[in-house]
N, C-alpha and C. Protein backbone atom coordinates (compact mmCIF):
# COMPACT_ATOMS: atom_id res chain seq x y z
N MET A 1 152.69 17.25 19.91
CA MET A 1 151.54 18.30 21.07
C MET A 1 151.96 19.01 18.86
N LYS A 2 152.74 19.28 18.08
CA LYS A 2 152.82 19.04 17.18
C LYS A 2 151.83 18.27 16.23
N THR A 3 151.87 17.05 16.40
CA THR A 3 150.46 15.99 15.75
C THR A 3 149.44 16.51 15.96
N LEU A 4 148.92 16.94 17.12
CA LEU A 4 147.51 17.10 17.43
C LEU A 4 146.79 18.26 16.87
N THR A 5 148.27 19.49 16.53
CA THR A 5 148.12 20.96 16.22
C THR A 5 147.57 20.66 14.54
N ILE A 6 148.38 19.24 13.96
CA ILE A 6 147.81 19.10 12.46
C ILE A 6 146.72 18.31 12.05
N ILE A 7 146.50 17.63 13.11
CA ILE A 7 145.53 16.87 12.87
C ILE A 7 143.96 17.65 12.69
N THR A 8 144.16 18.24 14.01
CA THR A 8 143.05 19.57 14.61
C THR A 8 143.10 19.97 13.40
N MET A 9 143.76 20.53 12.27
CA MET A 9 144.02 21.28 11.34
C MET A 9 143.07 20.78 10.33
N PHE A 10 143.34 19.68 10.75
CA PHE A 10 143.55 18.88 9.68
C PHE A 10 141.59 18.49 9.18
N LEU A 11 141.16 18.42 10.81
CA LEU A 11 139.49 18.05 10.86
C LEU A 11 138.59 19.08 10.75
N ALA A 12 139.31 20.46 10.89
CA ALA A 12 138.91 21.72 10.89
C ALA A 12 138.56 22.17 9.39
N MET A 13 139.56 21.66 8.24
CA MET A 13 139.12 22.01 6.64
C MET A 13 137.88 21.30 6.44
N LEU A 14 137.82 19.68 6.90
CA LEU A 14 137.11 18.31 6.95
C LEU A 14 135.81 18.38 6.84
N ALA A 15 135.48 19.66 8.07
CA ALA A 15 134.24 20.36 8.30
C ALA A 15 133.26 21.35 7.86
N LYS A 16 133.92 22.10 6.61
CA LYS A 16 133.43 23.34 6.47
C LYS A 16 132.06 22.89 5.69
N ASP A 17 131.33 23.40 5.82
CA ASP A 17 129.74 23.59 6.19
C ASP A 17 129.69 23.52 4.53
N PRO A 18 129.41 22.55 4.17
CA PRO A 18 128.90 22.01 2.77
C PRO A 18 127.14 22.84 2.93
N THR A 19 126.64 23.32 1.07
CA THR A 19 125.94 24.32 0.67
C THR A 19 124.59 24.23 1.47
N PRO A 20 123.97 25.06 1.03
CA PRO A 20 122.00 24.16 1.50
C PRO A 20 121.70 23.57 0.96
N ALA A 21 121.46 23.32 0.18
CA ALA A 21 121.38 22.19 -1.39
C ALA A 21 121.90 20.50 -1.23
N ILE A 22 123.44 20.67 -0.21
CA ILE A 22 123.75 18.90 0.49
C ILE A 22 122.92 19.35 1.80
N GLN A 23 123.27 20.32 2.59
CA GLN A 23 122.09 20.05 3.68
C GLN A 23 120.78 19.51 3.35
N GLN A 24 119.93 20.05 2.73
CA GLN A 24 118.25 19.93 2.00
C GLN A 24 118.87 18.12 0.94
N PHE A 25 119.51 18.56 0.62
CA PHE A 25 120.21 16.49 0.12
C PHE A 25 119.92 15.59 0.87
N VAL A 26 120.27 15.10 2.20
CA VAL A 26 120.69 15.02 3.07
C VAL A 26 119.80 14.53 4.11
N LYS A 27 118.61 15.60 4.02
CA LYS A 27 117.96 15.81 5.25
C LYS A 27 116.91 15.09 3.97
N THR A 28 116.23 15.17 3.07
CA THR A 28 115.32 14.70 2.27
C THR A 28 115.78 13.25 1.98
N TYR A 29 116.74 12.85 1.49
CA TYR A 29 116.42 11.69 1.23
C TYR A 29 117.76 10.58 1.95
N PHE A 30 118.67 11.17 3.02
CA PHE A 30 119.11 10.49 3.79
C PHE A 30 118.54 11.03 5.63
N PRO A 31 117.32 10.67 5.62
CA PRO A 31 116.81 11.80 7.06
C PRO A 31 117.45 11.36 8.63
N GLU A 32 117.62 9.68 8.41
CA GLU A 32 118.32 8.83 9.50
C GLU A 32 119.92 9.19 10.18
N THR A 33 120.83 9.96 9.38
CA THR A 33 122.07 10.45 9.39
C THR A 33 122.26 12.42 9.46
N THR A 34 123.00 11.95 9.89
CA THR A 34 123.61 13.46 9.97
C THR A 34 124.93 13.77 8.72
N ILE A 35 125.44 15.01 9.20
CA ILE A 35 126.76 15.05 7.75
C ILE A 35 128.00 15.45 9.37
N LEU A 36 128.59 13.92 8.62
CA LEU A 36 130.05 13.31 9.47
C LEU A 36 131.34 14.79 9.05
N PHE A 37 131.52 15.35 8.35
CA PHE A 37 132.23 16.01 7.54
C PHE A 37 132.45 15.71 5.96
N THR A 38 132.25 17.31 5.64
CA THR A 38 132.49 17.87 4.54
C THR A 38 133.98 17.98 3.63
N GLN A 39 134.46 17.75 2.52
CA GLN A 39 135.97 18.55 2.04
C GLN A 39 135.59 18.73 0.31
N ARG A 40 135.67 20.09 0.25
CA ARG A 40 135.78 20.85 -1.07
C ARG A 40 136.86 20.76 -2.11
N ASP A 41 136.32 20.11 -3.17
CA ASP A 41 137.86 19.92 -3.79
C ASP A 41 138.02 20.36 -5.36
N GLU A 42 138.09 21.68 -5.67
CA GLU A 42 138.46 22.55 -6.78
C GLU A 42 136.96 22.62 -7.63
N GLY A 43 136.31 22.89 -6.05
CA GLY A 43 134.38 23.52 -6.69
C GLY A 43 133.48 21.93 -6.22
N GLU A 44 134.23 20.72 -6.20
CA GLU A 44 133.48 19.33 -5.72
C GLU A 44 133.20 19.37 -4.39
N TYR A 45 132.23 18.71 -4.02
CA TYR A 45 132.15 18.10 -2.58
C TYR A 45 131.96 16.51 -2.49
N GLU A 46 133.07 15.98 -1.34
CA GLU A 46 132.47 14.89 -0.86
C GLU A 46 132.57 15.06 0.77
N VAL A 47 130.55 13.94 0.50
CA VAL A 47 130.44 14.50 1.74
C VAL A 47 130.77 12.91 2.26
N ARG A 48 130.64 12.61 4.05
CA ARG A 48 130.78 11.94 4.48
C ARG A 48 129.96 11.74 5.35
N LEU A 49 128.31 10.91 5.69
CA LEU A 49 127.44 10.83 6.32
C LEU A 49 127.58 9.61 7.61
N SER A 50 126.94 10.29 8.85
CA SER A 50 127.05 9.59 10.24
C SER A 50 127.28 7.99 9.96
N ASP A 51 126.78 7.50 9.17
CA ASP A 51 126.06 5.97 8.64
C ASP A 51 127.28 5.04 8.34
N GLY A 52 128.39 6.07 7.01
CA GLY A 52 129.00 5.81 6.62
C GLY A 52 129.25 5.75 4.82
N THR A 53 127.97 6.49 4.92
CA THR A 53 127.37 6.84 3.36
C THR A 53 128.35 7.80 2.94
N GLU A 54 128.86 7.85 1.55
CA GLU A 54 129.60 8.57 0.73
C GLU A 54 129.15 9.24 -0.23
N ILE A 55 128.77 10.07 -0.79
CA ILE A 55 128.39 11.18 -1.67
C ILE A 55 129.24 11.97 -2.40
N GLU A 56 129.21 12.22 -3.21
CA GLU A 56 130.11 13.17 -4.16
C GLU A 56 129.22 14.03 -4.93
N PHE A 57 129.72 15.13 -4.87
CA PHE A 57 128.01 15.84 -5.50
C PHE A 57 129.02 17.13 -6.77
N THR A 58 129.23 17.62 -7.56
CA THR A 58 129.36 18.50 -8.86
C THR A 58 129.74 20.08 -8.43
N ARG A 59 129.67 20.56 -9.24
CA ARG A 59 129.92 22.82 -8.31
C ARG A 59 128.69 22.59 -8.35
N LYS A 60 127.85 22.38 -8.89
CA LYS A 60 126.77 22.85 -9.23
C LYS A 60 125.43 22.76 -7.97
N GLY A 61 126.01 21.20 -7.25
CA GLY A 61 125.66 21.00 -5.67
C GLY A 61 124.44 19.66 -6.14
N GLU A 62 124.52 19.11 -7.27
CA GLU A 62 124.06 18.33 -8.39
C GLU A 62 124.87 16.82 -7.73
N TRP A 63 124.14 15.49 -7.30
CA TRP A 63 124.92 14.56 -6.98
C TRP A 63 125.43 13.71 -8.23
N LYS A 64 126.79 13.03 -7.82
CA LYS A 64 127.28 12.16 -8.34
C LYS A 64 127.64 10.93 -8.82
N HIS A 65 127.60 10.73 -7.41
CA HIS A 65 128.52 9.51 -6.53
C HIS A 65 127.79 9.00 -5.22
N ILE A 66 126.91 8.40 -5.38
CA ILE A 66 126.50 7.68 -3.99
C ILE A 66 127.10 6.22 -3.52
N ASP A 67 127.21 5.90 -2.45
CA ASP A 67 128.62 4.59 -2.24
C ASP A 67 127.27 4.46 -0.47
N CYS A 68 126.37 3.48 -0.24
CA CYS A 68 125.70 3.29 -0.01
C CYS A 68 126.36 1.77 0.74
N LYS A 69 128.20 1.04 0.00
CA LYS A 69 127.88 0.25 0.90
C LYS A 69 128.11 -0.02 2.19
N HIS A 70 129.08 1.10 2.90
CA HIS A 70 129.76 0.62 4.23
C HIS A 70 128.04 1.55 5.26
N SER A 71 127.25 1.76 5.14
CA SER A 71 125.97 2.20 5.58
C SER A 71 125.56 1.37 7.07
N ASN A 72 125.56 1.40 7.94
CA ASN A 72 124.74 0.50 8.80
C ASN A 72 123.61 1.27 9.36
N VAL A 73 123.11 1.94 8.38
CA VAL A 73 121.67 2.86 8.69
C VAL A 73 121.16 2.07 7.08
N TYR A 74 121.57 2.64 5.70
CA TYR A 74 120.94 2.64 4.44
C TYR A 74 121.69 1.15 4.08
N THR A 75 120.62 0.23 3.66
CA THR A 75 121.19 -1.04 2.70
C THR A 75 121.32 -0.69 1.37
N SER A 76 120.95 0.69 0.85
CA SER A 76 120.52 0.40 -0.31
C SER A 76 120.44 2.21 -0.62
N VAL A 77 120.98 2.31 -1.76
CA VAL A 77 121.22 3.41 -2.84
C VAL A 77 118.74 4.20 -2.51
N PRO A 78 119.11 5.25 -1.76
CA PRO A 78 117.53 4.86 -1.97
C PRO A 78 116.47 5.14 -3.57
N ASN A 79 115.26 4.69 -3.52
CA ASN A 79 115.03 4.95 -4.45
C ASN A 79 114.56 5.86 -5.69
N ALA A 80 114.20 6.72 -4.12
CA ALA A 80 113.65 8.11 -5.05
C ALA A 80 114.97 8.38 -6.27
N LEU A 81 116.28 7.78 -5.36
CA LEU A 81 117.25 8.54 -6.13
C LEU A 81 117.90 7.24 -7.61
N ILE A 82 117.07 6.94 -8.45
CA ILE A 82 117.98 5.90 -9.56
C ILE A 82 116.73 5.79 -10.14
N PRO A 83 117.25 6.22 -11.70
CA PRO A 83 116.45 6.04 -12.79
C PRO A 83 115.55 4.84 -12.54
N VAL A 84 113.87 5.58 -13.22
CA VAL A 84 112.82 4.04 -13.33
C VAL A 84 113.36 3.26 -14.12
N GLU A 85 114.33 3.41 -15.13
CA GLU A 85 114.73 2.35 -16.07
C GLU A 85 115.48 1.78 -15.21
N ILE A 86 116.38 2.40 -14.53
CA ILE A 86 117.62 1.24 -14.02
C ILE A 86 117.17 0.34 -13.30
N ALA A 87 115.69 1.30 -12.20
CA ALA A 87 115.54 0.21 -10.99
C ALA A 87 114.39 -1.40 -11.53
N ASN A 88 113.62 -0.51 -12.89
CA ASN A 88 113.20 -1.66 -13.61
C ASN A 88 113.39 -3.25 -14.25
N TYR A 89 114.90 -2.70 -14.05
CA TYR A 89 115.84 -3.99 -14.76
C TYR A 89 116.70 -4.26 -13.81
N VAL A 90 116.91 -4.07 -12.49
CA VAL A 90 117.63 -4.43 -11.82
C VAL A 90 116.31 -5.45 -10.92
N LYS A 91 115.07 -4.55 -11.08
CA LYS A 91 113.87 -5.62 -10.43
C LYS A 91 113.62 -6.87 -11.28
N ALA A 92 113.43 -6.42 -12.32
CA ALA A 92 113.45 -8.09 -13.33
C ALA A 92 114.77 -9.15 -13.50
N SER A 93 115.87 -8.56 -13.25
CA SER A 93 116.93 -8.91 -13.62
C SER A 93 117.90 -9.90 -12.45
N PHE A 94 117.49 -8.76 -11.49
CA PHE A 94 118.08 -9.10 -10.24
C PHE A 94 117.24 -9.08 -8.71
N PRO A 95 116.29 -10.03 -8.58
CA PRO A 95 115.41 -8.93 -8.00
C PRO A 95 115.66 -9.64 -6.30
N ASP A 96 116.17 -10.08 -5.77
CA ASP A 96 117.15 -10.48 -4.57
C ASP A 96 118.34 -9.73 -4.52
N GLU A 97 118.35 -8.49 -5.53
CA GLU A 97 119.73 -7.85 -5.10
C GLU A 97 119.13 -6.07 -5.05
N ASP A 98 119.84 -5.75 -4.27
CA ASP A 98 119.65 -4.36 -4.43
C ASP A 98 120.96 -2.97 -4.46
N ILE A 99 120.29 -1.98 -5.07
CA ILE A 99 121.62 -1.22 -5.34
C ILE A 99 122.48 -0.06 -4.44
N ILE A 100 123.66 -0.37 -4.81
CA ILE A 100 124.00 -0.43 -2.94
C ILE A 100 124.86 0.84 -3.15
N LYS A 101 125.40 1.40 -4.47
CA LYS A 101 126.18 2.14 -5.46
C LYS A 101 125.72 2.50 -6.37
N ILE A 102 125.84 3.79 -7.19
CA ILE A 102 125.81 4.80 -7.97
C ILE A 102 126.16 5.72 -8.62
N ASP A 103 127.12 5.68 -9.96
CA ASP A 103 128.06 7.15 -10.53
C ASP A 103 126.40 7.53 -11.82
N LYS A 104 126.82 8.84 -11.89
CA LYS A 104 126.53 9.47 -13.15
C LYS A 104 127.01 10.47 -13.80
N ASP A 105 127.33 11.09 -14.77
CA ASP A 105 127.82 11.12 -15.23
C ASP A 105 127.25 11.58 -16.80
N ARG A 106 128.31 12.70 -17.36
CA ARG A 106 127.45 13.00 -18.66
C ARG A 106 127.10 11.98 -19.98
N ARG A 107 128.00 11.35 -19.75
CA ARG A 107 127.73 9.91 -20.29
C ARG A 107 127.34 8.94 -20.28
N ASP A 108 127.42 8.23 -18.78
CA ASP A 108 126.33 7.02 -18.80
C ASP A 108 126.49 7.18 -16.90
N TRP A 109 125.57 5.86 -16.59
CA TRP A 109 125.64 5.46 -15.22
C TRP A 109 126.52 4.29 -14.71
N GLU A 110 126.51 3.74 -13.68
CA GLU A 110 127.35 2.79 -13.22
C GLU A 110 126.06 2.43 -11.94
N ILE A 111 126.60 1.25 -11.47
CA ILE A 111 125.87 1.03 -10.22
C ILE A 111 126.29 -0.26 -10.16
N GLU A 112 126.03 -0.89 -8.49
CA GLU A 112 126.73 -2.21 -8.10
C GLU A 112 125.98 -2.58 -7.16
N LEU A 113 125.68 -3.33 -7.54
CA LEU A 113 124.48 -4.42 -7.01
C LEU A 113 125.13 -5.19 -5.34
N SER A 114 124.51 -5.25 -4.26
CA SER A 114 124.62 -6.29 -2.97
C SER A 114 125.33 -7.13 -3.24
N ASN A 115 125.43 -8.13 -4.51
CA ASN A 115 126.34 -9.20 -5.10
C ASN A 115 127.85 -8.80 -5.62
N ARG A 116 128.08 -7.22 -4.80
CA ARG A 116 129.20 -6.95 -5.78
C ARG A 116 129.50 -6.61 -7.34
N LEU A 117 128.38 -7.13 -8.25
CA LEU A 117 128.28 -7.00 -9.75
C LEU A 117 127.76 -5.20 -10.18
N GLU A 118 128.94 -5.24 -11.05
CA GLU A 118 128.91 -3.66 -11.11
C GLU A 118 128.32 -3.85 -12.76
N ILE A 119 127.34 -2.63 -12.99
CA ILE A 119 126.47 -2.58 -14.46
C ILE A 119 126.84 -1.24 -15.18
N LYS A 120 127.06 -0.99 -16.25
CA LYS A 120 127.40 0.07 -16.86
C LYS A 120 126.27 0.72 -17.57
N PHE A 121 125.61 1.04 -18.12
CA PHE A 121 124.04 2.04 -18.60
C PHE A 121 124.46 3.38 -19.47
N ASP A 122 124.28 3.67 -20.73
CA ASP A 122 124.89 4.46 -22.02
C ASP A 122 123.67 5.75 -20.80
N LYS A 123 123.00 6.87 -21.52
CA LYS A 123 122.58 7.66 -21.00
C LYS A 123 120.65 6.98 -21.37
N LYS A 124 120.86 6.14 -22.33
CA LYS A 124 119.33 6.26 -22.67
C LYS A 124 118.95 4.84 -21.51
N PHE A 125 120.04 4.07 -20.98
CA PHE A 125 119.47 3.16 -19.94
C PHE A 125 119.82 2.06 -20.34
N ARG A 126 120.84 1.44 -21.33
CA ARG A 126 120.86 0.18 -22.17
C ARG A 126 122.00 0.12 -21.66
N VAL A 127 121.64 -1.51 -21.62
CA VAL A 127 122.82 -1.99 -20.27
C VAL A 127 124.29 -2.19 -21.66
N LEU A 128 125.68 -1.52 -21.10
CA LEU A 128 127.15 -1.54 -21.70
C LEU A 128 127.64 -2.41 -21.18
N GLU A 129 128.16 -2.85 -20.00
CA GLU A 129 129.33 -3.89 -19.36
C GLU A 129 128.10 -4.28 -18.52
N PHE A 130 129.32 -5.45 -17.89
CA PHE A 130 128.70 -6.32 -16.52
C PHE A 130 130.28 -6.14 -16.14
N ASP A 131 130.40 -5.77 -14.96
CA ASP A 131 132.34 -6.03 -14.17
C ASP A 131 131.90 -6.47 -12.86
N ASP A 132 132.60 -8.19 -12.17
CA ASP A 132 131.91 -8.52 -11.42
C ASP A 132 133.41 -9.24 -11.46
């Protein structure tokens, strides 16, 4: 019985409502899913969608990490969320691959392709490194 209570409390903690901006983001870019759970940690949000997609948001509600690797609905990050420079580079250099994960921060961008190759770009979208 004690274990069930702990699990219930944990699930209640994870089910905290995300901000309206996060809810709208999911409705706009991942309309075929719902928010399965949200975890708030030091003002930032980690969101898991019903299809397995994971998204992290900053304190300001801006996305910083999108991972569609485990999605059973979306096989890639929605094109509208990928900077055109990165999309053009991938299309020209890896035409048969999709972007399945994308991260951004103040210094750089990092993507993972469907062939598991990771590519890091600077803020001007110049390739910095590859990692397979």
